[in-house]
Amino acid sequence: MGVADARCAVAALGDTIGRRCLAVMYEHGEGGRTNLALALHYYRLAAENGDLESENSAGEILLSEVVAQGVDVAAEQFEQAM
């Protein structure tokens, strides 16, 4: 069993730190591809157990997505105005 498999098993059992570690792995693509949706999922699960660091990380992912969408929308509107 690899490290990622062990973290998945621990996270599945409801371990808050295991869930945060798994979220970090998904967020940064450690051991595979980056997957922000899964990172957000595991950060939220850890945050539900009172992990403030995970709650903050989930907020950062959500904020970065909103900002990215806002930039795209602003660019489209700018191009339409030209």
N, C-alpha and C. Protein backbone atom coordinates (compact mmCIF):
# COMPACT_ATOMS: atom_id res chain seq x y z
N MET A 1 0.85 -1.17 0.00
CA MET A 1 0.00 0.00 0.00
C MET A 1 0.89 1.24 0.00
N GLY A 2 0.64 2.14 -0.96
CA GLY A 2 1.41 3.36 -1.04
C GLY A 2 0.91 4.42 -0.07
N VAL A 3 1.63 5.51 -0.01
CA VAL A 3 1.27 6.60 0.90
C VAL A 3 -0.11 7.15 0.56
N ALA A 4 -0.38 7.36 -0.74
CA ALA A 4 -1.68 7.90 -1.14
C ALA A 4 -2.79 6.94 -0.76
N ASP A 5 -2.56 5.64 -0.95
CA ASP A 5 -3.57 4.65 -0.58
C ASP A 5 -3.84 4.67 0.91
N ALA A 6 -2.78 4.80 1.69
CA ALA A 6 -2.93 4.85 3.15
C ALA A 6 -3.71 6.08 3.56
N ARG A 7 -3.42 7.21 2.94
CA ARG A 7 -4.14 8.45 3.28
C ARG A 7 -5.60 8.35 2.88
N CYS A 8 -5.87 7.71 1.74
CA CYS A 8 -7.26 7.52 1.32
C CYS A 8 -8.01 6.67 2.33
N ALA A 9 -7.35 5.61 2.80
CA ALA A 9 -7.99 4.72 3.77
C ALA A 9 -8.27 5.45 5.07
N VAL A 10 -7.31 6.23 5.53
CA VAL A 10 -7.48 6.97 6.78
C VAL A 10 -8.57 8.04 6.62
N ALA A 11 -8.57 8.71 5.47
CA ALA A 11 -9.59 9.74 5.21
C ALA A 11 -10.98 9.11 5.17
N ALA A 12 -11.08 7.93 4.57
CA ALA A 12 -12.37 7.25 4.47
C ALA A 12 -12.91 6.88 5.85
N LEU A 13 -12.02 6.68 6.79
CA LEU A 13 -12.44 6.35 8.16
C LEU A 13 -12.86 7.57 8.95
N GLY A 14 -12.70 8.75 8.35
CA GLY A 14 -13.14 9.97 9.01
C GLY A 14 -12.06 10.73 9.74
N ASP A 15 -10.80 10.36 9.55
CA ASP A 15 -9.71 11.06 10.22
C ASP A 15 -9.52 12.45 9.62
N THR A 16 -9.62 13.47 10.45
CA THR A 16 -9.55 14.85 9.99
C THR A 16 -8.20 15.16 9.34
N ILE A 17 -7.12 14.78 9.97
CA ILE A 17 -5.79 15.06 9.41
C ILE A 17 -5.58 14.28 8.12
N GLY A 18 -6.07 13.05 8.08
CA GLY A 18 -5.98 12.26 6.84
C GLY A 18 -6.73 12.92 5.71
N ARG A 19 -7.89 13.47 6.02
CA ARG A 19 -8.67 14.17 5.00
C ARG A 19 -7.95 15.41 4.51
N ARG A 20 -7.35 16.17 5.44
CA ARG A 20 -6.60 17.37 5.02
C ARG A 20 -5.39 16.98 4.17
N CYS A 21 -4.69 15.95 4.58
CA CYS A 21 -3.52 15.51 3.80
C CYS A 21 -3.92 15.07 2.40
N LEU A 22 -5.02 14.35 2.31
CA LEU A 22 -5.50 13.92 1.00
C LEU A 22 -5.90 15.13 0.16
N ALA A 23 -6.55 16.11 0.78
CA ALA A 23 -6.93 17.33 0.07
C ALA A 23 -5.69 18.05 -0.48
N VAL A 24 -4.65 18.13 0.34
CA VAL A 24 -3.41 18.78 -0.10
C VAL A 24 -2.82 18.04 -1.30
N MET A 25 -2.85 16.71 -1.24
CA MET A 25 -2.32 15.92 -2.35
C MET A 25 -3.09 16.21 -3.64
N TYR A 26 -4.42 16.26 -3.54
CA TYR A 26 -5.22 16.56 -4.74
C TYR A 26 -5.01 18.00 -5.20
N GLU A 27 -4.89 18.93 -4.27
CA GLU A 27 -4.71 20.33 -4.64
C GLU A 27 -3.40 20.56 -5.39
N HIS A 28 -2.35 19.88 -4.96
CA HIS A 28 -1.03 20.12 -5.55
C HIS A 28 -0.58 19.04 -6.52
N GLY A 29 -1.43 18.05 -6.76
CA GLY A 29 -1.08 17.00 -7.73
C GLY A 29 0.00 16.06 -7.25
N GLU A 30 0.11 15.88 -5.95
CA GLU A 30 1.12 14.97 -5.41
C GLU A 30 0.66 13.53 -5.62
N GLY A 31 1.45 12.76 -6.38
CA GLY A 31 1.11 11.37 -6.64
C GLY A 31 0.14 11.20 -7.80
N GLY A 32 -0.21 12.26 -8.48
CA GLY A 32 -1.14 12.19 -9.60
C GLY A 32 -1.46 13.57 -10.11
N ARG A 33 -2.57 13.67 -10.78
CA ARG A 33 -2.98 14.96 -11.34
C ARG A 33 -3.66 15.82 -10.29
N THR A 34 -3.58 17.12 -10.49
CA THR A 34 -4.29 18.07 -9.64
C THR A 34 -5.78 17.90 -9.87
N ASN A 35 -6.54 17.89 -8.78
CA ASN A 35 -8.00 17.78 -8.88
C ASN A 35 -8.60 18.68 -7.80
N LEU A 36 -8.92 19.91 -8.18
CA LEU A 36 -9.41 20.87 -7.19
C LEU A 36 -10.78 20.50 -6.66
N ALA A 37 -11.59 19.82 -7.45
CA ALA A 37 -12.91 19.40 -6.96
C ALA A 37 -12.77 18.41 -5.81
N LEU A 38 -11.88 17.43 -5.97
CA LEU A 38 -11.66 16.47 -4.89
C LEU A 38 -10.94 17.12 -3.71
N ALA A 39 -10.03 18.02 -3.99
CA ALA A 39 -9.35 18.74 -2.90
C ALA A 39 -10.38 19.49 -2.07
N LEU A 40 -11.27 20.19 -2.74
CA LEU A 40 -12.31 20.94 -2.04
C LEU A 40 -13.21 20.01 -1.24
N HIS A 41 -13.55 18.87 -1.81
CA HIS A 41 -14.39 17.89 -1.12
C HIS A 41 -13.75 17.46 0.20
N TYR A 42 -12.47 17.08 0.16
CA TYR A 42 -11.80 16.60 1.37
C TYR A 42 -11.51 17.74 2.36
N TYR A 43 -11.23 18.94 1.85
CA TYR A 43 -11.07 20.07 2.76
C TYR A 43 -12.38 20.33 3.51
N ARG A 44 -13.49 20.26 2.79
CA ARG A 44 -14.79 20.50 3.44
C ARG A 44 -15.09 19.44 4.49
N LEU A 45 -14.78 18.18 4.17
CA LEU A 45 -15.00 17.11 5.16
C LEU A 45 -14.18 17.35 6.42
N ALA A 46 -12.92 17.74 6.23
CA ALA A 46 -12.06 18.02 7.38
C ALA A 46 -12.56 19.24 8.15
N ALA A 47 -13.02 20.24 7.41
CA ALA A 47 -13.53 21.46 8.05
C ALA A 47 -14.78 21.16 8.88
N GLU A 48 -15.60 20.22 8.41
CA GLU A 48 -16.79 19.84 9.17
C GLU A 48 -16.44 19.27 10.54
N ASN A 49 -15.22 18.73 10.64
CA ASN A 49 -14.74 18.19 11.91
C ASN A 49 -14.00 19.24 12.73
N GLY A 50 -14.08 20.51 12.31
CA GLY A 50 -13.48 21.59 13.08
C GLY A 50 -12.08 21.98 12.69
N ASP A 51 -11.57 21.48 11.57
CA ASP A 51 -10.21 21.81 11.15
C ASP A 51 -10.20 23.17 10.44
N LEU A 52 -9.74 24.18 11.13
CA LEU A 52 -9.77 25.54 10.61
C LEU A 52 -8.83 25.72 9.42
N GLU A 53 -7.71 25.02 9.42
CA GLU A 53 -6.78 25.12 8.29
C GLU A 53 -7.45 24.62 7.00
N SER A 54 -8.21 23.54 7.12
CA SER A 54 -8.93 23.01 5.96
C SER A 54 -10.03 23.96 5.52
N GLU A 55 -10.70 24.57 6.48
CA GLU A 55 -11.75 25.54 6.14
C GLU A 55 -11.15 26.71 5.37
N ASN A 56 -10.00 27.17 5.79
CA ASN A 56 -9.31 28.26 5.11
C ASN A 56 -8.88 27.83 3.71
N SER A 57 -8.34 26.64 3.57
CA SER A 57 -7.89 26.15 2.27
C SER A 57 -9.07 26.00 1.31
N ALA A 58 -10.20 25.51 1.81
CA ALA A 58 -11.40 25.40 0.97
C ALA A 58 -11.82 26.78 0.49
N GLY A 59 -11.78 27.76 1.38
CA GLY A 59 -12.12 29.12 1.00
C GLY A 59 -11.19 29.69 -0.05
N GLU A 60 -9.91 29.37 0.05
CA GLU A 60 -8.94 29.85 -0.94
C GLU A 60 -9.23 29.25 -2.32
N ILE A 61 -9.58 27.96 -2.35
CA ILE A 61 -9.90 27.33 -3.64
C ILE A 61 -11.14 27.98 -4.24
N LEU A 62 -12.16 28.17 -3.42
CA LEU A 62 -13.39 28.79 -3.92
C LEU A 62 -13.13 30.21 -4.42
N LEU A 63 -12.34 30.96 -3.68
CA LEU A 63 -12.03 32.33 -4.08
C LEU A 63 -11.24 32.34 -5.38
N SER A 64 -10.28 31.46 -5.53
CA SER A 64 -9.48 31.43 -6.76
C SER A 64 -10.35 31.08 -7.96
N GLU A 65 -11.34 30.22 -7.78
CA GLU A 65 -12.25 29.87 -8.87
C GLU A 65 -13.12 31.07 -9.25
N VAL A 66 -13.61 31.79 -8.26
CA VAL A 66 -14.45 32.97 -8.54
C VAL A 66 -13.63 34.03 -9.25
N VAL A 67 -12.42 34.26 -8.79
CA VAL A 67 -11.55 35.26 -9.42
C VAL A 67 -11.24 34.85 -10.85
N ALA A 68 -10.93 33.57 -11.07
CA ALA A 68 -10.62 33.09 -12.42
C ALA A 68 -11.81 33.28 -13.35
N GLN A 69 -12.99 32.96 -12.86
CA GLN A 69 -14.20 33.14 -13.67
C GLN A 69 -14.44 34.62 -13.94
N GLY A 70 -14.19 35.44 -12.94
CA GLY A 70 -14.38 36.88 -13.10
C GLY A 70 -13.45 37.46 -14.14
N VAL A 71 -12.22 37.00 -14.17
CA VAL A 71 -11.25 37.48 -15.15
C VAL A 71 -11.69 37.08 -16.55
N ASP A 72 -12.16 35.84 -16.69
CA ASP A 72 -12.62 35.38 -18.00
C ASP A 72 -13.82 36.18 -18.48
N VAL A 73 -14.76 36.43 -17.59
CA VAL A 73 -15.95 37.20 -17.94
C VAL A 73 -15.55 38.63 -18.31
N ALA A 74 -14.67 39.23 -17.53
CA ALA A 74 -14.22 40.59 -17.81
C ALA A 74 -13.51 40.65 -19.17
N ALA A 75 -12.70 39.65 -19.48
CA ALA A 75 -12.00 39.62 -20.77
C ALA A 75 -12.99 39.51 -21.92
N GLU A 76 -14.01 38.67 -21.75
CA GLU A 76 -15.04 38.53 -22.80
C GLU A 76 -15.78 39.86 -23.02
N GLN A 77 -16.13 40.51 -21.94
CA GLN A 77 -16.85 41.78 -22.05
C GLN A 77 -15.98 42.84 -22.69
N PHE A 78 -14.70 42.83 -22.36
CA PHE A 78 -13.77 43.79 -22.95
C PHE A 78 -13.67 43.57 -24.47
N GLU A 79 -13.56 42.29 -24.87
CA GLU A 79 -13.46 41.97 -26.31
C GLU A 79 -14.73 42.38 -27.04
N GLN A 80 -15.89 42.17 -26.42
CA GLN A 80 -17.16 42.54 -27.04
C GLN A 80 -17.27 44.06 -27.21
N ALA A 81 -16.69 44.80 -26.29
CA ALA A 81 -16.76 46.25 -26.34
C ALA A 81 -15.86 46.84 -27.42
N MET A 82 -14.89 46.10 -27.86
CA MET A 82 -13.93 46.61 -28.84
C MET A 82 -14.52 46.63 -30.21
